[in-house]
């Protein structure tokens, strides 16, 4: 399946507990069709003491969200938009279906 969201994109959550919140995509897991969005879907993880973290304890971190629950935000209008692909000047580019601008 072709993923239309890439690392660094600004997205809005369109379904689930965090509906309406926005953030930047930090990581995309292509094999699982999931992405980690900065500051959204925070979970508590218990960590054992280690060399990097000698204290251990409970750490807050982002959990992955399914790609189908994310929608790209158009940089110009600030609204959510669908993504299309086309060839412009001999290069394949992503473009916003609302504003028809290259992303």
C-alpha atoms as a PDB file:
ATOM      1  CA  UNK A   1       0.000   0.000   0.000  1.00  0.00           C
ATOM      2  CA  UNK A   2       1.292   3.478  -0.880  1.00  0.00           C
ATOM      3  CA  UNK A   3       1.659   5.720   2.177  1.00  0.00           C
ATOM      4  CA  UNK A   4       0.929   9.359   1.469  1.00  0.00           C
ATOM      5  CA  UNK A   5       2.294  10.653   4.782  1.00  0.00           C
ATOM      6  CA  UNK A   6       6.032  11.104   5.285  1.00  0.00           C
ATOM      7  CA  UNK A   7       8.333  11.975   8.161  1.00  0.00           C
ATOM      8  CA  UNK A   8       8.234  15.709   8.868  1.00  0.00           C
ATOM      9  CA  UNK A   9       4.659  16.272   7.660  1.00  0.00           C
ATOM     10  CA  UNK A  10       2.205  18.132   9.886  1.00  0.00           C
ATOM     11  CA  UNK A  11      -0.930  16.056  10.401  1.00  0.00           C
ATOM     12  CA  UNK A  12      -4.275  16.197  12.218  1.00  0.00           C
ATOM     13  CA  UNK A  13      -5.813  13.181  13.953  1.00  0.00           C
ATOM     14  CA  UNK A  14      -9.251  12.556  12.390  1.00  0.00           C
ATOM     15  CA  UNK A  15     -10.440   9.582  14.470  1.00  0.00           C
ATOM     16  CA  UNK A  16      -9.979   8.029  17.893  1.00  0.00           C
ATOM     17  CA  UNK A  17      -9.327   9.380  21.389  1.00  0.00           C
ATOM     18  CA  UNK A  18      -7.023  12.144  20.167  1.00  0.00           C
ATOM     19  CA  UNK A  19      -9.319  13.415  17.391  1.00  0.00           C
ATOM     20  CA  UNK A  20      -8.602  17.033  16.452  1.00  0.00           C
ATOM     21  CA  UNK A  21      -5.066  17.210  17.830  1.00  0.00           C
ATOM     22  CA  UNK A  22      -2.183  18.116  15.540  1.00  0.00           C
ATOM     23  CA  UNK A  23       1.497  17.316  15.439  1.00  0.00           C
ATOM     24  CA  UNK A  24       4.550  16.578  13.349  1.00  0.00           C
ATOM     25  CA  UNK A  25       5.225  13.033  12.106  1.00  0.00           C
ATOM     26  CA  UNK A  26       8.415  11.748  13.729  1.00  0.00           C
ATOM     27  CA  UNK A  27       8.553   8.194  12.349  1.00  0.00           C
ATOM     28  CA  UNK A  28       6.601   6.137   9.798  1.00  0.00           C
ATOM     29  CA  UNK A  29       6.401   2.334  10.031  1.00  0.00           C
ATOM     30  CA  UNK A  30       5.637   1.234   6.455  1.00  0.00           C
ATOM     31  CA  UNK A  31       5.252  -2.462   7.304  1.00  0.00           C
ATOM     32  CA  UNK A  32       2.640  -1.771  10.019  1.00  0.00           C
ATOM     33  CA  UNK A  33       0.926   1.231   8.304  1.00  0.00           C
ATOM     34  CA  UNK A  34       1.471   3.309  11.446  1.00  0.00           C
ATOM     35  CA  UNK A  35       3.166   6.578  12.354  1.00  0.00           C
ATOM     36  CA  UNK A  36       4.368   8.286  15.520  1.00  0.00           C
ATOM     37  CA  UNK A  37       3.107  11.855  15.878  1.00  0.00           C
ATOM     38  CA  UNK A  38       4.923  14.262  18.194  1.00  0.00           C
ATOM     39  CA  UNK A  39       3.005  14.937  21.433  1.00  0.00           C
ATOM     40  CA  UNK A  40      -0.014  12.781  20.521  1.00  0.00           C
ATOM     41  CA  UNK A  41      -1.120   9.354  21.860  1.00  0.00           C
ATOM     42  CA  UNK A  42       1.156   9.497  24.909  1.00  0.00           C
ATOM     43  CA  UNK A  43       1.556   6.267  26.897  1.00  0.00           C
ATOM     44  CA  UNK A  44       3.384   5.431  30.124  1.00  0.00           C
ATOM     45  CA  UNK A  45       6.158   2.878  29.761  1.00  0.00           C
ATOM     46  CA  UNK A  46       7.920   1.227  32.697  1.00  0.00           C
ATOM     47  CA  UNK A  47      11.682   1.077  32.191  1.00  0.00           C
ATOM     48  CA  UNK A  48      14.188  -1.027  34.083  1.00  0.00           C
ATOM     49  CA  UNK A  49      17.321   0.685  35.336  1.00  0.00           C
ATOM     50  CA  UNK A  50      20.087   0.574  32.724  1.00  0.00           C
ATOM     51  CA  UNK A  51      23.417   2.241  31.961  1.00  0.00           C
ATOM     52  CA  UNK A  52      21.688   5.088  30.066  1.00  0.00           C
ATOM     53  CA  UNK A  53      18.926   5.424  32.680  1.00  0.00           C
ATOM     54  CA  UNK A  54      20.284   4.271  36.060  1.00  0.00           C
ATOM     55  CA  UNK A  55      17.159   5.446  37.923  1.00  0.00           C
ATOM     56  CA  UNK A  56      14.630   3.566  35.748  1.00  0.00           C
ATOM     57  CA  UNK A  57      10.967   4.408  36.399  1.00  0.00           C
ATOM     58  CA  UNK A  58       7.943   5.407  34.354  1.00  0.00           C
ATOM     59  CA  UNK A  59       8.567   7.250  31.070  1.00  0.00           C
ATOM     60  CA  UNK A  60       5.983   9.073  28.936  1.00  0.00           C
ATOM     61  CA  UNK A  61       6.383   8.373  25.205  1.00  0.00           C
ATOM     62  CA  UNK A  62       4.375   8.504  21.977  1.00  0.00           C
ATOM     63  CA  UNK A  63       2.683   5.361  20.678  1.00  0.00           C
ATOM     64  CA  UNK A  64       2.066   4.675  16.965  1.00  0.00           C
ATOM     65  CA  UNK A  65      -1.233   5.707  15.317  1.00  0.00           C
ATOM     66  CA  UNK A  66      -2.683   4.036  12.231  1.00  0.00           C
ATOM     67  CA  UNK A  67      -2.161   6.009   9.010  1.00  0.00           C
ATOM     68  CA  UNK A  68      -5.900   5.902   8.219  1.00  0.00           C
ATOM     69  CA  UNK A  69      -6.531   8.079  11.301  1.00  0.00           C
ATOM     70  CA  UNK A  70      -4.192  10.843  10.084  1.00  0.00           C
ATOM     71  CA  UNK A  71      -4.862  13.613   7.588  1.00  0.00           C
ATOM     72  CA  UNK A  72      -2.221  15.919   6.132  1.00  0.00           C
ATOM     73  CA  UNK A  73      -2.521  19.635   6.903  1.00  0.00           C
ATOM     74  CA  UNK A  74      -2.042  22.019   3.982  1.00  0.00           C
ATOM     75  CA  UNK A  75       0.719  24.495   4.877  1.00  0.00           C
ATOM     76  CA  UNK A  76      -0.968  27.410   3.116  1.00  0.00           C
ATOM     77  CA  UNK A  77      -4.591  27.186   4.317  1.00  0.00           C
ATOM     78  CA  UNK A  78      -4.102  25.200   7.534  1.00  0.00           C
ATOM     79  CA  UNK A  79      -6.899  22.790   6.588  1.00  0.00           C
ATOM     80  CA  UNK A  80      -6.724  19.039   6.123  1.00  0.00           C
ATOM     81  CA  UNK A  81      -6.266  17.839   2.573  1.00  0.00           C
ATOM     82  CA  UNK A  82      -5.928  14.663   0.577  1.00  0.00           C
ATOM     83  CA  UNK A  83      -2.682  13.911  -1.230  1.00  0.00           C
ATOM     84  CA  UNK A  84      -2.249  13.237  -4.927  1.00  0.00           C
ATOM     85  CA  UNK A  85       0.724  12.365  -7.098  1.00  0.00           C
ATOM     86  CA  UNK A  86       1.551  13.642 -10.555  1.00  0.00           C
ATOM     87  CA  UNK A  87       4.509  14.296 -12.831  1.00  0.00           C
ATOM     88  CA  UNK A  88       5.572  17.960 -12.914  1.00  0.00           C
ATOM     89  CA  UNK A  89       8.714  19.027 -14.815  1.00  0.00           C
ATOM     90  CA  UNK A  90       9.802  15.415 -15.172  1.00  0.00           C
ATOM     91  CA  UNK A  91       9.578  14.677 -11.426  1.00  0.00           C
ATOM     92  CA  UNK A  92       6.932  12.788  -9.468  1.00  0.00           C
ATOM     93  CA  UNK A  93       5.616  15.142  -6.767  1.00  0.00           C
ATOM     94  CA  UNK A  94       2.992  15.087  -4.028  1.00  0.00           C
ATOM     95  CA  UNK A  95       0.347  17.787  -4.250  1.00  0.00           C
ATOM     96  CA  UNK A  96      -2.560  18.997  -2.135  1.00  0.00           C
ATOM     97  CA  UNK A  97      -5.919  18.119  -3.679  1.00  0.00           C
ATOM     98  CA  UNK A  98      -7.557  21.194  -2.076  1.00  0.00           C
ATOM     99  CA  UNK A  99      -5.106  23.874  -3.188  1.00  0.00           C
ATOM    100  CA  UNK A 100      -3.404  21.955  -6.030  1.00  0.00           C
ATOM    101  CA  UNK A 101       0.010  23.037  -4.674  1.00  0.00           C
ATOM    102  CA  UNK A 102       3.148  20.908  -4.415  1.00  0.00           C
ATOM    103  CA  UNK A 103       3.802  19.704  -0.879  1.00  0.00           C
END
